[in-house]
Amino acid sequence: MQNFIVSSGVLAKLRDKHDISIREVEQCFENKCGMYVVDDREDNQTDPATLTFIAPTNRGRLLKVAFIFLDGNVHIKTAFEPDDQDIAFYERHGK
C-alpha cells in the first residue's frame, strides 16, 4: 500500500504480541465499510488525531486499526482483534 508507514517497533508488536501481518492491516483498509473514528480518549490524544476503524481481513479476521495521517502518509500505531466493547462503540460511531 502506498504511503503506508510502520515503525520497526510497531511491526514487532503486531507480529509478536498480536500475530498480525502488515498485509492483514492493508486488507482492513481495503475492506473498510464505515468511517474513521477519532480516538479522543485522554491517554490516546495525538496531534494529528489518532483515527481508528474496525474491518475484516480477506479471511474474515476482524481487526481494530489505529493510525494517524501525517504528511500524506498513513502511520500505523497498532492493530489488534477488537473486543465486544470496541465493536459496539464502532457500530454506534463509525457506521
N, C-alpha and C. Protein backbone atom coordinates (compact mmCIF):
# COMPACT_ATOMS: atom_id res chain seq x y z
N MET A 1 0.86 -1.18 0.00
CA MET A 1 0.00 0.00 0.00
C MET A 1 0.89 1.23 0.00
N GLN A 2 0.60 2.18 -0.86
CA GLN A 2 1.38 3.41 -0.93
C GLN A 2 1.16 4.26 0.32
N ASN A 3 2.20 5.00 0.68
CA ASN A 3 2.12 5.95 1.80
C ASN A 3 1.74 5.28 3.12
N PHE A 4 2.18 4.06 3.32
CA PHE A 4 1.85 3.26 4.47
C PHE A 4 3.14 3.08 5.27
N ILE A 5 3.21 3.62 6.48
CA ILE A 5 4.44 3.59 7.27
C ILE A 5 4.20 2.86 8.58
N VAL A 6 5.10 1.91 8.87
CA VAL A 6 5.03 1.15 10.11
C VAL A 6 6.44 1.11 10.69
N SER A 7 6.60 1.62 11.90
CA SER A 7 7.92 1.61 12.53
C SER A 7 8.32 0.17 12.87
N SER A 8 9.60 -0.04 13.08
CA SER A 8 10.08 -1.38 13.42
C SER A 8 9.49 -1.84 14.75
N GLY A 9 9.30 -0.91 15.70
CA GLY A 9 8.71 -1.26 16.99
C GLY A 9 7.26 -1.70 16.86
N VAL A 10 6.49 -0.98 16.06
CA VAL A 10 5.08 -1.35 15.84
C VAL A 10 5.02 -2.66 15.08
N LEU A 11 5.88 -2.83 14.10
CA LEU A 11 5.90 -4.06 13.33
C LEU A 11 6.16 -5.27 14.24
N ALA A 12 7.12 -5.13 15.15
CA ALA A 12 7.43 -6.20 16.08
C ALA A 12 6.25 -6.49 17.01
N LYS A 13 5.59 -5.43 17.49
CA LYS A 13 4.43 -5.60 18.38
C LYS A 13 3.29 -6.31 17.65
N LEU A 14 3.02 -5.90 16.42
CA LEU A 14 1.96 -6.54 15.66
C LEU A 14 2.25 -8.03 15.49
N ARG A 15 3.47 -8.33 15.14
CA ARG A 15 3.87 -9.72 14.88
C ARG A 15 3.91 -10.54 16.18
N ASP A 16 4.62 -10.03 17.19
CA ASP A 16 4.89 -10.82 18.38
C ASP A 16 3.74 -10.85 19.39
N LYS A 17 3.07 -9.74 19.58
CA LYS A 17 2.00 -9.67 20.58
C LYS A 17 0.64 -10.05 20.02
N HIS A 18 0.36 -9.61 18.79
CA HIS A 18 -0.98 -9.78 18.22
C HIS A 18 -1.06 -10.79 17.07
N ASP A 19 0.09 -11.29 16.62
CA ASP A 19 0.14 -12.23 15.50
C ASP A 19 -0.59 -11.69 14.27
N ILE A 20 -0.27 -10.43 13.93
CA ILE A 20 -0.89 -9.74 12.80
C ILE A 20 0.20 -9.36 11.80
N SER A 21 -0.07 -9.62 10.53
CA SER A 21 0.86 -9.23 9.47
C SER A 21 0.47 -7.85 8.92
N ILE A 22 1.44 -7.21 8.31
CA ILE A 22 1.15 -5.91 7.67
C ILE A 22 0.13 -6.10 6.56
N ARG A 23 0.20 -7.20 5.85
CA ARG A 23 -0.77 -7.44 4.78
C ARG A 23 -2.19 -7.49 5.32
N GLU A 24 -2.38 -8.06 6.52
CA GLU A 24 -3.71 -8.08 7.12
C GLU A 24 -4.20 -6.66 7.41
N VAL A 25 -3.30 -5.80 7.89
CA VAL A 25 -3.67 -4.40 8.16
C VAL A 25 -4.05 -3.72 6.85
N GLU A 26 -3.28 -3.94 5.80
CA GLU A 26 -3.61 -3.37 4.49
C GLU A 26 -4.99 -3.83 4.03
N GLN A 27 -5.28 -5.11 4.21
CA GLN A 27 -6.58 -5.65 3.82
C GLN A 27 -7.72 -4.97 4.56
N CYS A 28 -7.50 -4.64 5.83
CA CYS A 28 -8.53 -3.93 6.59
C CYS A 28 -8.83 -2.57 5.96
N PHE A 29 -7.80 -1.85 5.52
CA PHE A 29 -8.04 -0.58 4.82
C PHE A 29 -8.82 -0.83 3.53
N GLU A 30 -8.47 -1.87 2.81
CA GLU A 30 -9.15 -2.18 1.56
C GLU A 30 -10.60 -2.61 1.78
N ASN A 31 -10.90 -3.23 2.91
CA ASN A 31 -12.23 -3.78 3.18
C ASN A 31 -13.09 -2.91 4.08
N LYS A 32 -12.62 -1.74 4.45
CA LYS A 32 -13.33 -0.86 5.39
C LYS A 32 -14.69 -0.47 4.84
N CYS A 33 -15.73 -0.60 5.68
CA CYS A 33 -17.10 -0.24 5.30
C CYS A 33 -17.70 0.68 6.36
N GLY A 34 -17.06 1.75 6.63
CA GLY A 34 -17.53 2.70 7.63
C GLY A 34 -16.60 3.90 7.64
N MET A 35 -16.73 4.69 8.65
CA MET A 35 -15.92 5.91 8.75
C MET A 35 -14.75 5.67 9.71
N TYR A 36 -13.79 6.55 9.62
CA TYR A 36 -12.74 6.58 10.63
C TYR A 36 -13.31 7.30 11.85
N VAL A 37 -12.95 6.85 13.03
CA VAL A 37 -13.41 7.46 14.27
C VAL A 37 -12.21 8.06 14.98
N VAL A 38 -12.34 9.30 15.44
CA VAL A 38 -11.27 9.95 16.19
C VAL A 38 -11.20 9.34 17.58
N ASP A 39 -10.00 8.92 17.96
CA ASP A 39 -9.78 8.38 19.31
C ASP A 39 -9.47 9.57 20.20
N ASP A 40 -10.48 10.05 20.92
CA ASP A 40 -10.30 11.26 21.74
C ASP A 40 -10.13 10.95 23.22
N ARG A 41 -9.86 9.68 23.54
CA ARG A 41 -9.57 9.35 24.94
C ARG A 41 -8.29 10.06 25.35
N GLU A 42 -8.27 10.56 26.57
CA GLU A 42 -7.17 11.41 27.03
C GLU A 42 -5.80 10.76 26.82
N ASP A 43 -5.67 9.49 27.13
CA ASP A 43 -4.37 8.81 27.01
C ASP A 43 -3.95 8.57 25.57
N ASN A 44 -4.87 8.72 24.62
CA ASN A 44 -4.57 8.42 23.22
C ASN A 44 -4.57 9.64 22.32
N GLN A 45 -4.71 10.83 22.89
CA GLN A 45 -4.77 12.03 22.07
C GLN A 45 -3.39 12.33 21.48
N THR A 46 -3.40 12.60 20.18
CA THR A 46 -2.17 12.93 19.46
C THR A 46 -2.45 14.10 18.54
N ASP A 47 -1.39 14.68 18.02
CA ASP A 47 -1.50 15.75 17.03
C ASP A 47 -0.59 15.38 15.87
N PRO A 48 -1.17 14.97 14.75
CA PRO A 48 -2.59 14.92 14.39
C PRO A 48 -3.33 13.82 15.15
N ALA A 49 -4.65 13.89 15.06
CA ALA A 49 -5.51 12.98 15.82
C ALA A 49 -5.30 11.52 15.39
N THR A 50 -5.40 10.63 16.38
CA THR A 50 -5.40 9.20 16.10
C THR A 50 -6.78 8.80 15.60
N LEU A 51 -6.80 8.08 14.50
CA LEU A 51 -8.05 7.60 13.92
C LEU A 51 -8.10 6.08 14.05
N THR A 52 -9.30 5.54 14.21
CA THR A 52 -9.47 4.09 14.32
C THR A 52 -10.62 3.63 13.44
N PHE A 53 -10.60 2.36 13.13
CA PHE A 53 -11.73 1.72 12.46
C PHE A 53 -11.61 0.22 12.70
N ILE A 54 -12.70 -0.48 12.44
CA ILE A 54 -12.72 -1.93 12.54
C ILE A 54 -13.16 -2.48 11.20
N ALA A 55 -12.40 -3.44 10.70
CA ALA A 55 -12.71 -4.05 9.40
C ALA A 55 -12.15 -5.46 9.37
N PRO A 56 -12.69 -6.28 8.45
CA PRO A 56 -12.19 -7.65 8.33
C PRO A 56 -11.01 -7.74 7.36
N THR A 57 -10.18 -8.75 7.60
CA THR A 57 -9.16 -9.12 6.62
C THR A 57 -9.86 -9.92 5.52
N ASN A 58 -9.13 -10.30 4.50
CA ASN A 58 -9.72 -11.10 3.43
C ASN A 58 -10.15 -12.48 3.91
N ARG A 59 -9.62 -12.94 5.03
CA ARG A 59 -10.01 -14.23 5.59
C ARG A 59 -11.07 -14.08 6.68
N GLY A 60 -11.59 -12.85 6.86
CA GLY A 60 -12.67 -12.63 7.82
C GLY A 60 -12.22 -12.36 9.24
N ARG A 61 -10.94 -12.18 9.46
CA ARG A 61 -10.44 -11.85 10.80
C ARG A 61 -10.71 -10.37 11.06
N LEU A 62 -11.47 -10.07 12.10
CA LEU A 62 -11.82 -8.69 12.42
C LEU A 62 -10.69 -8.03 13.20
N LEU A 63 -10.25 -6.85 12.74
CA LEU A 63 -9.18 -6.12 13.41
C LEU A 63 -9.59 -4.67 13.65
N LYS A 64 -9.13 -4.14 14.76
CA LYS A 64 -9.24 -2.71 15.03
C LYS A 64 -7.87 -2.11 14.69
N VAL A 65 -7.87 -1.08 13.87
CA VAL A 65 -6.64 -0.45 13.40
C VAL A 65 -6.62 1.00 13.90
N ALA A 66 -5.49 1.41 14.45
CA ALA A 66 -5.30 2.80 14.90
C ALA A 66 -4.12 3.37 14.11
N PHE A 67 -4.30 4.60 13.61
CA PHE A 67 -3.28 5.22 12.77
C PHE A 67 -3.41 6.73 12.81
N ILE A 68 -2.42 7.41 12.26
CA ILE A 68 -2.51 8.86 12.07
C ILE A 68 -2.14 9.17 10.62
N PHE A 69 -2.72 10.24 10.09
CA PHE A 69 -2.31 10.80 8.80
C PHE A 69 -1.28 11.86 9.11
N LEU A 70 -0.12 11.79 8.50
CA LEU A 70 0.92 12.77 8.71
C LEU A 70 1.71 12.94 7.43
N ASP A 71 1.74 14.17 6.93
CA ASP A 71 2.48 14.49 5.71
C ASP A 71 2.11 13.59 4.54
N GLY A 72 0.83 13.30 4.39
CA GLY A 72 0.35 12.49 3.28
C GLY A 72 0.58 11.00 3.44
N ASN A 73 1.02 10.59 4.62
CA ASN A 73 1.28 9.18 4.88
C ASN A 73 0.36 8.65 5.97
N VAL A 74 0.11 7.35 5.92
CA VAL A 74 -0.65 6.65 6.96
C VAL A 74 0.37 5.97 7.87
N HIS A 75 0.44 6.44 9.11
CA HIS A 75 1.36 5.87 10.10
C HIS A 75 0.57 4.96 11.03
N ILE A 76 0.85 3.66 10.95
CA ILE A 76 0.14 2.69 11.76
C ILE A 76 0.66 2.77 13.20
N LYS A 77 -0.26 2.90 14.14
CA LYS A 77 0.10 2.91 15.56
C LYS A 77 -0.07 1.53 16.18
N THR A 78 -1.16 0.84 15.82
CA THR A 78 -1.41 -0.50 16.33
C THR A 78 -2.56 -1.14 15.57
N ALA A 79 -2.70 -2.43 15.76
CA ALA A 79 -3.85 -3.18 15.27
C ALA A 79 -3.99 -4.40 16.17
N PHE A 80 -5.24 -4.78 16.41
CA PHE A 80 -5.49 -5.93 17.28
C PHE A 80 -6.92 -6.39 17.08
N GLU A 81 -7.23 -7.59 17.57
CA GLU A 81 -8.59 -8.08 17.49
C GLU A 81 -9.45 -7.33 18.50
N PRO A 82 -10.53 -6.71 18.05
CA PRO A 82 -11.36 -5.90 18.96
C PRO A 82 -12.18 -6.77 19.89
N ASP A 83 -12.45 -6.24 21.08
CA ASP A 83 -13.36 -6.93 21.99
C ASP A 83 -14.79 -6.44 21.71
N ASP A 84 -15.74 -6.99 22.44
CA ASP A 84 -17.15 -6.64 22.21
C ASP A 84 -17.41 -5.15 22.43
N GLN A 85 -16.73 -4.55 23.40
CA GLN A 85 -16.90 -3.12 23.67
C GLN A 85 -16.40 -2.27 22.50
N ASP A 86 -15.24 -2.64 21.93
CA ASP A 86 -14.71 -1.94 20.76
C ASP A 86 -15.70 -2.02 19.59
N ILE A 87 -16.22 -3.21 19.37
CA ILE A 87 -17.14 -3.43 18.25
C ILE A 87 -18.42 -2.62 18.44
N ALA A 88 -18.97 -2.62 19.66
CA ALA A 88 -20.20 -1.87 19.94
C ALA A 88 -19.97 -0.38 19.74
N PHE A 89 -18.83 0.13 20.21
CA PHE A 89 -18.52 1.56 20.05
C PHE A 89 -18.43 1.90 18.56
N TYR A 90 -17.75 1.08 17.78
CA TYR A 90 -17.61 1.36 16.35
C TYR A 90 -18.95 1.27 15.62
N GLU A 91 -19.77 0.33 16.02
CA GLU A 91 -21.10 0.22 15.41
C GLU A 91 -21.92 1.49 15.66
N ARG A 92 -21.78 2.10 16.83
CA ARG A 92 -22.53 3.33 17.16
C ARG A 92 -21.93 4.56 16.49
N HIS A 93 -20.62 4.65 16.39
CA HIS A 93 -19.99 5.90 15.96
C HIS A 93 -19.30 5.85 14.60
N GLY A 94 -19.05 4.67 14.07
CA GLY A 94 -18.30 4.59 12.83
C GLY A 94 -19.06 4.09 11.63
N LYS A 95 -20.25 3.60 11.85
CA LYS A 95 -21.01 3.02 10.72
C LYS A 95 -22.08 3.96 10.24
